[in-house]
Amino acid sequence: MFNRTTHTIIVSLLAAPQCGSVQAENFGGPDAVENTLADDAASRPSFVEESLLQPWFDWKQGLQEDIGFSFGLDYSSLYLQSSEDGASGDDSAASGMLRVFGSWDLVGRGTNNTGAAVWKIEHRHRYTDGSPQGFGFDQGYVGLVEPPFSNEGARLTNLYWRQRLNEGKATIVAGMLDVTDFVDVYALASPWTGFMNFAFSTGSAAMFIPNDATFGIGGATLLTDRIFLIGSIANAYTDPTEPFDTVDDFFDENEYFTSIELGLTSGHDRIYLDNAHLTLWHVDKSNRAGTPGGWGAAFNYSRALRDNALMPFIRGGYANDGGSLLEKSLSIGLGYHTFGGRDQLGVAANWGKPNEDSFGSGLDDQYTLEVFYRFQLTEQLAITPDIQYLVDPALNPDEDNLWVFGLRARLAL
């Protein structure tokens, strides 16, 4: 349940990439398939100008224009190095990930009310004995210093139908979903392009997160020009390596994750950039998984300033049981685009109280500081050095603080 790519369902309107982009009419987050496609296709400044791959992108654009079929693929690598040995004796971990994803507009193409099949498959593999996903716990830290980089092998993340309604102002999705695509999102939440630590992502680590490819249904709509509503229900417990079992479980087991979110934005075209919301969630108890039920709340306020170059944010969460990592969490930070939007700097700090129902009582509060710099080497290749300073790791009372140095690379085609 502690996998960052674990989640539920909800919404996708138009396309909304990272902080600084002007394509922003979307309720979904940076990792929703159609948002990732739009962002990867967008022209951006880069350190090295090259055009060798332009025929490839022209061909993909032609497919989208001719038959409404869009697809992409990327490969990401991650290396982590700690200042101390972990419980396993290792002080480093590394892994890689191949993702292939796409959408196909099959209904209403050329209108605002399109219906599309959306999909994403992945292969996650480690380079070292341990994978980065468990690296934080190996260091005695209650949390995920880079959640999705595991050793799960081939897996399904998305396979659902997305239907836009009311001239694109409402969306329904149904099928196998990843709830982090739309629950409690903001522009810097992606562990592929933004902050690495889960404390700065969905639920601020104080929310139960279903695994990917969980079967469910969700929807979102603009209630007014500035107020939006998002809701979902999905199977709470699933295995992305055995994705089709979740369909039977949804109807037979009645163990659900549900969420509802009410938000405020400065306008439909700014919903991804200017976003204040409150999210309420609930998860059912599972005897099969051996996890308790619970509920909680999360909030976010983020706003893009200075022509979208600067985005300060404040986020937090509270969990009443539910098997979350943290019981209480509060984060503040900002993202800043440098060199005319080419690169991005991120700085954030988090205070977290470990969930006593998950880890027992008497644990110290944790403090996390993260700084990253995403360097856009070419339009397709980004390199991100990252530093995390972990104070009072709750499961390692022998260490007052730890440094974790990370290097992430993503090639998007």
Protein backbone atom coordinates (compact mmCIF):
# COMPACT_ATOMS: atom_id res chain seq x y z
CA MET A 1 0.00 0.00 0.00
CA PHE A 2 3.03 2.28 0.33
CA ASN A 3 3.73 2.39 -3.42
CA ARG A 4 3.57 5.91 -4.72
CA THR A 5 2.01 4.74 -7.97
CA THR A 6 -0.75 3.16 -5.99
CA HIS A 7 -4.05 5.03 -6.35
CA THR A 8 -7.82 5.42 -7.55
CA ILE A 9 -9.59 7.46 -10.29
CA ILE A 10 -10.97 10.69 -11.36
CA VAL A 11 -10.63 13.16 -14.10
CA SER A 12 -8.97 14.51 -17.13
CA LEU A 13 -10.24 17.43 -19.15
CA LEU A 14 -7.81 18.96 -21.56
CA ALA A 15 -4.04 18.80 -21.14
CA ALA A 16 -1.91 20.19 -18.39
CA PRO A 17 1.82 19.88 -18.15
CA GLN A 18 4.33 21.11 -15.61
CA CYS A 19 4.48 24.45 -13.82
CA GLY A 20 5.35 27.10 -16.37
CA SER A 21 3.33 25.66 -19.24
CA VAL A 22 0.36 27.52 -20.65
CA GLN A 23 -1.59 24.33 -21.45
CA ALA A 24 -3.55 24.00 -18.25
CA GLU A 25 -7.25 23.28 -18.69
CA ASN A 26 -7.27 20.05 -16.73
CA PHE A 27 -8.35 18.59 -13.41
CA GLY A 28 -5.72 15.83 -13.64
CA GLY A 29 -2.10 15.95 -12.53
CA PRO A 30 1.24 15.82 -14.36
CA ASP A 31 1.27 12.01 -14.50
CA ALA A 32 -2.15 11.54 -16.10
CA VAL A 33 -1.48 9.95 -19.50
CA GLU A 34 -2.96 12.70 -21.65
CA ASN A 35 -1.15 15.39 -19.66
CA THR A 36 2.17 13.58 -20.03
CA LEU A 37 1.56 13.24 -23.78
CA ALA A 38 0.79 16.94 -24.11
CA ASP A 39 3.81 17.98 -22.08
CA ASP A 40 6.23 15.69 -23.93
CA ALA A 41 4.93 16.98 -27.27
CA ALA A 42 5.26 20.64 -26.29
CA SER A 43 8.27 22.59 -27.54
CA ARG A 44 10.53 23.68 -24.68
CA PRO A 45 13.89 25.41 -24.30
CA SER A 46 16.87 23.08 -23.93
CA PHE A 47 20.61 23.33 -23.42
CA VAL A 48 21.40 21.41 -26.61
CA GLU A 49 19.37 22.13 -29.74
CA GLU A 50 18.91 19.06 -31.95
CA SER A 51 16.45 17.95 -34.62
CA LEU A 52 17.46 14.35 -35.39
CA LEU A 53 14.23 13.01 -33.92
CA GLN A 54 11.93 15.54 -35.60
CA PRO A 55 10.70 13.02 -38.24
CA TRP A 56 9.65 10.70 -35.40
CA PHE A 57 7.63 13.43 -33.70
CA ASP A 58 6.15 14.60 -37.03
CA TRP A 59 4.96 11.04 -37.66
CA LYS A 60 3.38 10.83 -34.21
CA GLN A 61 1.69 14.19 -34.74
CA GLY A 62 0.30 12.95 -38.04
CA LEU A 63 -1.24 9.91 -36.33
CA GLN A 64 -2.94 12.15 -33.82
CA GLU A 65 -4.32 14.47 -36.48
CA ASP A 66 -5.40 11.71 -38.88
CA ILE A 67 -6.97 9.11 -36.58
CA GLY A 68 -6.87 10.63 -33.07
CA PHE A 69 -4.22 8.17 -31.83
CA SER A 70 -1.53 9.54 -29.51
CA PHE A 71 1.23 7.58 -27.83
CA GLY A 72 4.54 8.07 -26.09
CA LEU A 73 7.28 6.18 -24.36
CA ASP A 74 9.94 7.10 -21.87
CA TYR A 75 12.81 5.54 -19.98
CA SER A 76 13.82 6.77 -16.52
CA SER A 77 16.78 5.86 -14.33
CA LEU A 78 17.45 6.69 -10.69
CA TYR A 79 20.47 6.41 -8.41
CA LEU A 80 20.32 7.08 -4.65
CA GLN A 81 23.26 7.40 -2.24
CA SER A 82 22.87 7.78 1.54
CA SER A 83 25.33 9.21 4.04
CA GLU A 84 24.87 6.06 6.18
CA ASP A 85 24.48 2.32 5.67
CA GLY A 86 20.92 1.04 5.93
CA ALA A 87 19.65 -1.97 7.85
CA SER A 88 20.56 -4.16 4.85
CA GLY A 89 24.12 -2.88 4.91
CA ASP A 90 23.62 -0.97 1.64
CA ASP A 91 24.09 2.78 1.32
CA SER A 92 22.89 3.04 -2.29
CA ALA A 93 20.16 1.82 -4.63
CA ALA A 94 19.40 2.21 -8.33
CA SER A 95 16.73 1.15 -10.78
CA GLY A 96 15.13 1.90 -14.12
CA MET A 97 11.70 2.05 -15.67
CA LEU A 98 10.31 1.78 -19.19
CA ARG A 99 6.81 3.15 -19.80
CA VAL A 100 4.64 3.01 -22.93
CA PHE A 101 1.37 4.94 -22.85
CA GLY A 102 -1.25 6.46 -25.08
CA SER A 103 -4.83 7.49 -25.80
CA TRP A 104 -7.14 7.03 -28.77
CA ASP A 105 -10.06 9.37 -29.40
CA LEU A 106 -12.75 7.02 -30.71
CA VAL A 107 -15.89 9.06 -30.09
CA GLY A 108 -16.60 12.71 -30.92
CA ARG A 109 -13.23 13.43 -32.50
CA GLY A 110 -12.99 17.08 -33.47
CA THR A 111 -15.39 18.17 -30.70
CA ASN A 112 -14.95 19.09 -27.05
CA ASN A 113 -16.88 15.99 -25.94
CA THR A 114 -14.47 13.28 -26.98
CA GLY A 115 -14.37 9.72 -25.69
CA ALA A 116 -11.01 7.96 -25.58
CA ALA A 117 -9.37 4.69 -24.59
CA VAL A 118 -6.38 5.45 -22.33
CA TRP A 119 -3.59 3.01 -21.42
CA LYS A 120 -0.16 2.74 -19.82
CA ILE A 121 2.10 -0.29 -19.34
CA GLU A 122 5.46 -0.33 -17.57
CA HIS A 123 8.48 -2.43 -16.76
CA ARG A 124 10.18 -1.57 -13.44
CA HIS A 125 13.55 -3.16 -12.70
CA ARG A 126 16.39 -2.62 -10.25
CA TYR A 127 20.10 -2.29 -11.06
CA THR A 128 21.27 -3.03 -7.50
CA ASP A 129 20.38 -5.60 -4.82
CA GLY A 130 17.82 -3.23 -3.31
CA SER A 131 15.44 -0.92 -5.16
CA PRO A 132 14.93 2.80 -4.42
CA GLN A 133 11.29 2.21 -3.46
CA GLY A 134 12.28 0.57 -0.16
CA PHE A 135 15.40 2.68 0.38
CA GLY A 136 13.79 5.07 2.88
CA PHE A 137 12.60 2.26 5.15
CA ASP A 138 15.99 0.58 4.92
CA GLN A 139 17.43 3.82 6.29
CA GLY A 140 14.88 3.87 9.13
CA TYR A 141 12.79 6.65 7.59
CA VAL A 142 9.00 6.40 7.60
CA GLY A 143 8.45 7.33 4.01
CA LEU A 144 9.35 6.85 0.37
CA VAL A 145 12.30 8.88 -0.88
CA GLU A 146 11.41 7.97 -4.53
CA PRO A 147 8.27 5.78 -4.66
CA PRO A 148 7.79 4.32 -8.15
CA PHE A 149 11.29 2.93 -8.79
CA SER A 150 10.88 -0.71 -7.78
CA ASN A 151 11.56 -4.21 -9.12
CA GLU A 152 7.99 -5.24 -9.99
CA GLY A 153 8.77 -6.13 -13.59
CA ALA A 154 6.01 -5.83 -16.19
CA ARG A 155 2.84 -4.19 -14.90
CA LEU A 156 -0.32 -2.42 -16.04
CA THR A 157 -0.95 1.07 -14.71
CA ASN A 158 -3.88 2.40 -16.75
CA LEU A 159 -6.59 0.93 -18.96
CA TYR A 160 -9.75 3.00 -18.90
CA TRP A 161 -12.33 4.94 -20.88
CA ARG A 162 -12.28 8.73 -20.60
CA GLN A 163 -15.41 10.66 -21.63
CA ARG A 164 -15.60 14.45 -21.73
CA LEU A 165 -18.99 16.12 -21.37
CA ASN A 166 -20.55 19.59 -21.27
CA GLU A 167 -18.14 21.03 -23.86
CA GLY A 168 -15.14 19.67 -22.00
CA LYS A 169 -16.10 21.08 -18.61
CA ALA A 170 -16.80 17.64 -17.12
CA THR A 171 -15.08 14.28 -17.37
CA ILE A 172 -15.88 10.69 -16.41
CA VAL A 173 -13.29 7.92 -16.30
CA ALA A 174 -13.98 4.21 -15.75
CA GLY A 175 -11.71 1.19 -15.82
CA MET A 176 -8.29 0.47 -14.36
CA LEU A 177 -6.99 3.67 -12.85
CA ASP A 178 -4.15 5.28 -10.93
CA VAL A 179 -5.73 7.60 -8.37
CA THR A 180 -2.64 9.80 -8.05
CA ASP A 181 -3.52 11.01 -11.56
CA PHE A 182 -6.32 13.11 -10.09
CA VAL A 183 -6.59 12.93 -6.28
CA ASP A 184 -4.96 15.82 -4.40
CA VAL A 185 -2.75 16.82 -7.33
CA TYR A 186 -0.65 19.88 -8.02
CA ALA A 187 1.98 20.74 -10.63
CA LEU A 188 5.08 19.50 -8.77
CA ALA A 189 3.75 16.13 -7.60
CA SER A 190 5.33 13.89 -10.25
CA PRO A 191 8.23 11.69 -9.05
CA TRP A 192 9.38 11.56 -12.70
CA THR A 193 9.75 15.32 -13.16
CA GLY A 194 9.16 17.05 -9.79
CA PHE A 195 9.93 16.28 -6.16
CA MET A 196 11.13 12.76 -5.43
CA ASN A 197 9.95 12.35 -1.81
CA PHE A 198 6.39 11.09 -1.35
CA ALA A 199 5.84 13.69 1.40
CA PHE A 200 5.55 16.26 -1.41
CA SER A 201 3.15 14.19 -3.48
CA THR A 202 -0.40 12.78 -3.22
CA GLY A 203 -1.82 13.10 0.28
CA SER A 204 1.49 14.39 1.69
CA ALA A 205 2.13 10.76 2.81
CA ALA A 206 -0.90 11.00 5.13
CA MET A 207 -3.36 9.21 2.84
CA PHE A 208 -4.05 5.58 2.01
CA ILE A 209 -3.18 5.02 -1.63
CA PRO A 210 -4.54 2.07 -3.64
CA ASN A 211 -2.13 0.42 -6.02
CA ASP A 212 -2.16 1.18 -9.73
CA ALA A 213 -4.53 -0.48 -12.17
CA THR A 214 -7.28 -0.45 -9.59
CA PHE A 215 -10.77 -0.85 -11.02
CA GLY A 216 -13.15 2.03 -10.41
CA ILE A 217 -15.00 5.06 -11.69
CA GLY A 218 -14.54 8.75 -11.11
CA GLY A 219 -15.70 12.10 -12.36
CA ALA A 220 -15.07 15.81 -12.20
CA THR A 221 -16.89 18.94 -13.23
CA LEU A 222 -16.73 22.68 -13.04
CA LEU A 223 -19.61 23.85 -10.85
CA THR A 224 -18.92 27.49 -11.75
CA ASP A 225 -16.19 29.27 -13.68
CA ARG A 226 -13.96 28.92 -10.59
CA ILE A 227 -15.24 26.04 -8.43
CA PHE A 228 -14.67 22.38 -9.30
CA LEU A 229 -15.74 19.06 -7.81
CA ILE A 230 -13.96 15.70 -8.14
CA GLY A 231 -15.10 12.32 -6.80
CA SER A 232 -14.19 8.65 -7.15
CA ILE A 233 -14.73 5.11 -5.91
CA ALA A 234 -12.28 2.30 -6.65
CA ASN A 235 -11.07 -1.05 -5.44
CA ALA A 236 -8.75 -0.36 -2.50
CA TYR A 237 -6.49 -3.41 -2.77
CA THR A 238 -5.00 -4.61 -6.03
CA ASP A 239 -1.84 -5.94 -7.67
CA PRO A 240 -0.67 -4.17 -10.88
CA THR A 241 1.12 -7.36 -11.98
CA GLU A 242 -2.24 -9.21 -11.85
CA PRO A 243 -4.47 -6.32 -12.93
CA PHE A 244 -7.61 -8.09 -14.11
CA ASP A 245 -8.24 -9.64 -10.70
CA THR A 246 -9.26 -6.16 -9.52
CA VAL A 247 -12.44 -6.26 -11.64
CA ASP A 248 -13.83 -9.28 -9.76
CA ASP A 249 -12.62 -7.88 -6.44
CA PHE A 250 -14.49 -4.61 -7.03
CA PHE A 251 -17.83 -6.41 -7.25
CA ASP A 252 -17.15 -9.32 -4.89
CA GLU A 253 -15.06 -7.97 -2.00
CA ASN A 254 -16.63 -4.51 -1.48
CA GLU A 255 -13.35 -3.04 -0.17
CA TYR A 256 -13.22 0.47 -1.56
CA PHE A 257 -11.21 3.64 -1.56
CA THR A 258 -13.46 6.68 -2.00
CA SER A 259 -12.60 10.35 -2.35
CA ILE A 260 -14.30 13.68 -2.87
CA GLU A 261 -12.56 16.96 -3.57
CA LEU A 262 -13.84 20.54 -3.69
CA GLY A 263 -11.55 23.11 -5.23
CA LEU A 264 -11.16 26.71 -6.31
CA THR A 265 -9.19 28.04 -9.27
CA SER A 266 -8.78 31.42 -10.93
CA GLY A 267 -10.27 30.09 -14.17
CA HIS A 268 -10.82 27.02 -16.34
CA ASP A 269 -7.56 27.64 -18.19
CA ARG A 270 -5.66 27.99 -14.87
CA ILE A 271 -6.98 24.98 -12.99
CA TYR A 272 -3.68 23.15 -13.12
CA LEU A 273 -1.64 26.19 -12.10
CA ASP A 274 -3.83 28.04 -9.58
CA ASN A 275 -5.39 25.44 -7.35
CA ALA A 276 -6.78 25.44 -3.82
CA HIS A 277 -8.67 22.33 -2.73
CA LEU A 278 -9.79 20.15 0.16
CA THR A 279 -9.88 16.38 -0.33
CA LEU A 280 -11.72 13.91 1.92
CA TRP A 281 -11.03 10.17 1.62
CA HIS A 282 -12.08 6.86 3.17
CA VAL A 283 -10.79 3.30 2.87
CA ASP A 284 -12.57 0.12 3.94
CA LYS A 285 -11.03 -2.45 6.25
CA SER A 286 -9.61 -5.54 4.56
CA ASN A 287 -9.22 -8.89 6.30
CA ARG A 288 -7.48 -10.29 3.22
CA ALA A 289 -4.83 -7.57 3.19
CA GLY A 290 -4.71 -7.31 6.97
CA THR A 291 -5.16 -3.55 6.88
CA PRO A 292 -7.49 -1.35 8.93
CA GLY A 293 -10.10 0.97 7.57
CA GLY A 294 -9.77 4.68 8.05
CA TRP A 295 -10.36 8.15 6.73
CA GLY A 296 -8.62 11.45 6.38
CA ALA A 297 -8.29 14.82 4.70
CA ALA A 298 -5.74 16.59 2.54
CA PHE A 299 -5.45 20.19 1.39
CA ASN A 300 -3.46 22.16 -1.15
CA TYR A 301 -2.88 25.77 -2.07
CA SER A 302 -0.61 26.49 -5.02
CA ARG A 303 -0.42 29.46 -7.36
CA ALA A 304 1.66 30.19 -10.44
CA LEU A 305 3.18 33.69 -10.48
CA ARG A 306 5.48 35.73 -12.73
CA ASP A 307 4.20 34.33 -16.02
CA ASN A 308 4.00 30.85 -14.46
CA ALA A 309 7.72 30.79 -13.63
CA LEU A 310 7.25 30.74 -9.83
CA MET A 311 4.90 28.42 -7.94
CA PRO A 312 4.77 28.57 -4.12
CA PHE A 313 2.64 25.96 -2.38
CA ILE A 314 1.46 24.75 1.02
CA ARG A 315 0.03 21.25 1.45
CA GLY A 316 -0.91 18.94 4.27
CA GLY A 317 -2.87 15.93 5.39
CA TYR A 318 -4.42 14.10 8.33
CA ALA A 319 -5.19 10.38 8.63
CA ASN A 320 -7.34 8.57 11.17
CA ASP A 321 -5.82 5.09 10.86
CA GLY A 322 -6.24 3.74 7.31
CA GLY A 323 -2.73 2.30 7.03
CA SER A 324 -1.09 5.55 5.91
CA LEU A 325 2.58 6.36 6.44
CA LEU A 326 1.97 9.56 8.38
CA GLU A 327 -0.86 10.59 10.68
CA LYS A 328 -0.22 14.32 10.25
CA SER A 329 1.81 16.08 7.59
CA LEU A 330 2.53 19.67 6.55
CA SER A 331 4.65 20.78 3.60
CA ILE A 332 5.69 24.15 2.20
CA GLY A 333 7.81 24.87 -0.83
CA LEU A 334 8.12 26.36 -4.27
CA GLY A 335 9.11 25.60 -7.82
CA TYR A 336 10.97 28.11 -9.97
CA HIS A 337 11.75 27.95 -13.68
CA THR A 338 15.20 29.23 -14.57
CA PHE A 339 16.87 30.20 -17.86
CA GLY A 340 13.65 31.28 -19.53
CA GLY A 341 11.75 28.16 -18.56
CA ARG A 342 14.44 25.68 -19.58
CA ASP A 343 15.23 24.25 -16.13
CA GLN A 344 13.35 24.02 -12.85
CA LEU A 345 14.45 24.43 -9.24
CA GLY A 346 12.34 22.91 -6.46
CA VAL A 347 12.72 23.52 -2.71
CA ALA A 348 10.38 22.10 -0.03
CA ALA A 349 10.22 21.18 3.65
CA ASN A 350 7.92 18.74 5.46
CA TRP A 351 6.97 17.98 9.05
CA GLY A 352 5.42 14.57 9.59
CA LYS A 353 4.06 12.56 12.51
CA PRO A 354 4.24 8.79 11.81
CA ASN A 355 0.92 6.95 11.94
CA GLU A 356 0.85 5.16 15.32
CA ASP A 357 -1.65 2.59 14.03
CA SER A 358 0.82 1.64 11.27
CA PHE A 359 4.14 1.80 13.17
CA GLY A 360 3.38 1.89 16.89
CA SER A 361 3.51 4.69 19.45
CA GLY A 362 6.43 6.67 20.80
CA LEU A 363 8.07 7.48 17.47
CA ASP A 364 9.68 10.87 16.92
CA ASP A 365 8.27 13.37 14.47
CA GLN A 366 10.23 13.52 11.21
CA TYR A 367 11.44 16.51 9.23
CA THR A 368 12.31 16.38 5.55
CA LEU A 369 14.02 18.95 3.33
CA GLU A 370 14.38 18.39 -0.41
CA VAL A 371 16.06 20.43 -3.14
CA PHE A 372 16.13 19.38 -6.81
CA TYR A 373 17.26 20.98 -10.05
CA ARG A 374 15.84 19.58 -13.29
CA PHE A 375 18.25 20.33 -16.12
CA GLN A 376 16.73 20.10 -19.61
CA LEU A 377 19.72 18.85 -21.59
CA THR A 378 17.70 18.34 -24.80
CA GLU A 379 13.98 18.60 -25.47
CA GLN A 380 13.74 14.85 -24.79
CA LEU A 381 16.32 14.32 -22.03
CA ALA A 382 16.14 15.81 -18.52
CA ILE A 383 18.74 15.23 -15.78
CA THR A 384 17.73 15.94 -12.15
CA PRO A 385 20.21 16.01 -9.25
CA ASP A 386 18.42 15.92 -5.89
CA ILE A 387 19.33 16.27 -2.21
CA GLN A 388 17.14 15.14 0.70
CA TYR A 389 17.95 15.91 4.34
CA LEU A 390 16.06 13.57 6.70
CA VAL A 391 15.94 14.71 10.35
CA ASP A 392 15.04 12.25 13.14
CA PRO A 393 14.18 9.22 10.97
CA ALA A 394 11.51 7.64 13.16
CA LEU A 395 12.58 3.99 12.79
CA ASN A 396 16.29 4.71 13.27
CA PRO A 397 16.77 6.28 16.72
CA ASP A 398 20.57 5.93 16.39
CA GLU A 399 20.67 8.60 13.68
CA ASP A 400 19.70 12.23 14.22
CA ASN A 401 19.87 13.02 10.52
CA LEU A 402 20.62 11.47 7.14
CA TRP A 403 21.58 12.84 3.74
CA VAL A 404 20.26 11.14 0.62
CA PHE A 405 21.70 12.22 -2.71
CA GLY A 406 19.79 11.33 -5.88
CA LEU A 407 20.34 11.53 -9.61
CA ARG A 408 17.38 10.97 -11.93
CA ALA A 409 17.31 10.91 -15.75
CA ARG A 410 14.28 10.76 -18.06
CA LEU A 411 14.31 10.30 -21.82
CA ALA A 412 10.89 10.97 -23.39
CA LEU A 413 10.07 9.81 -26.90
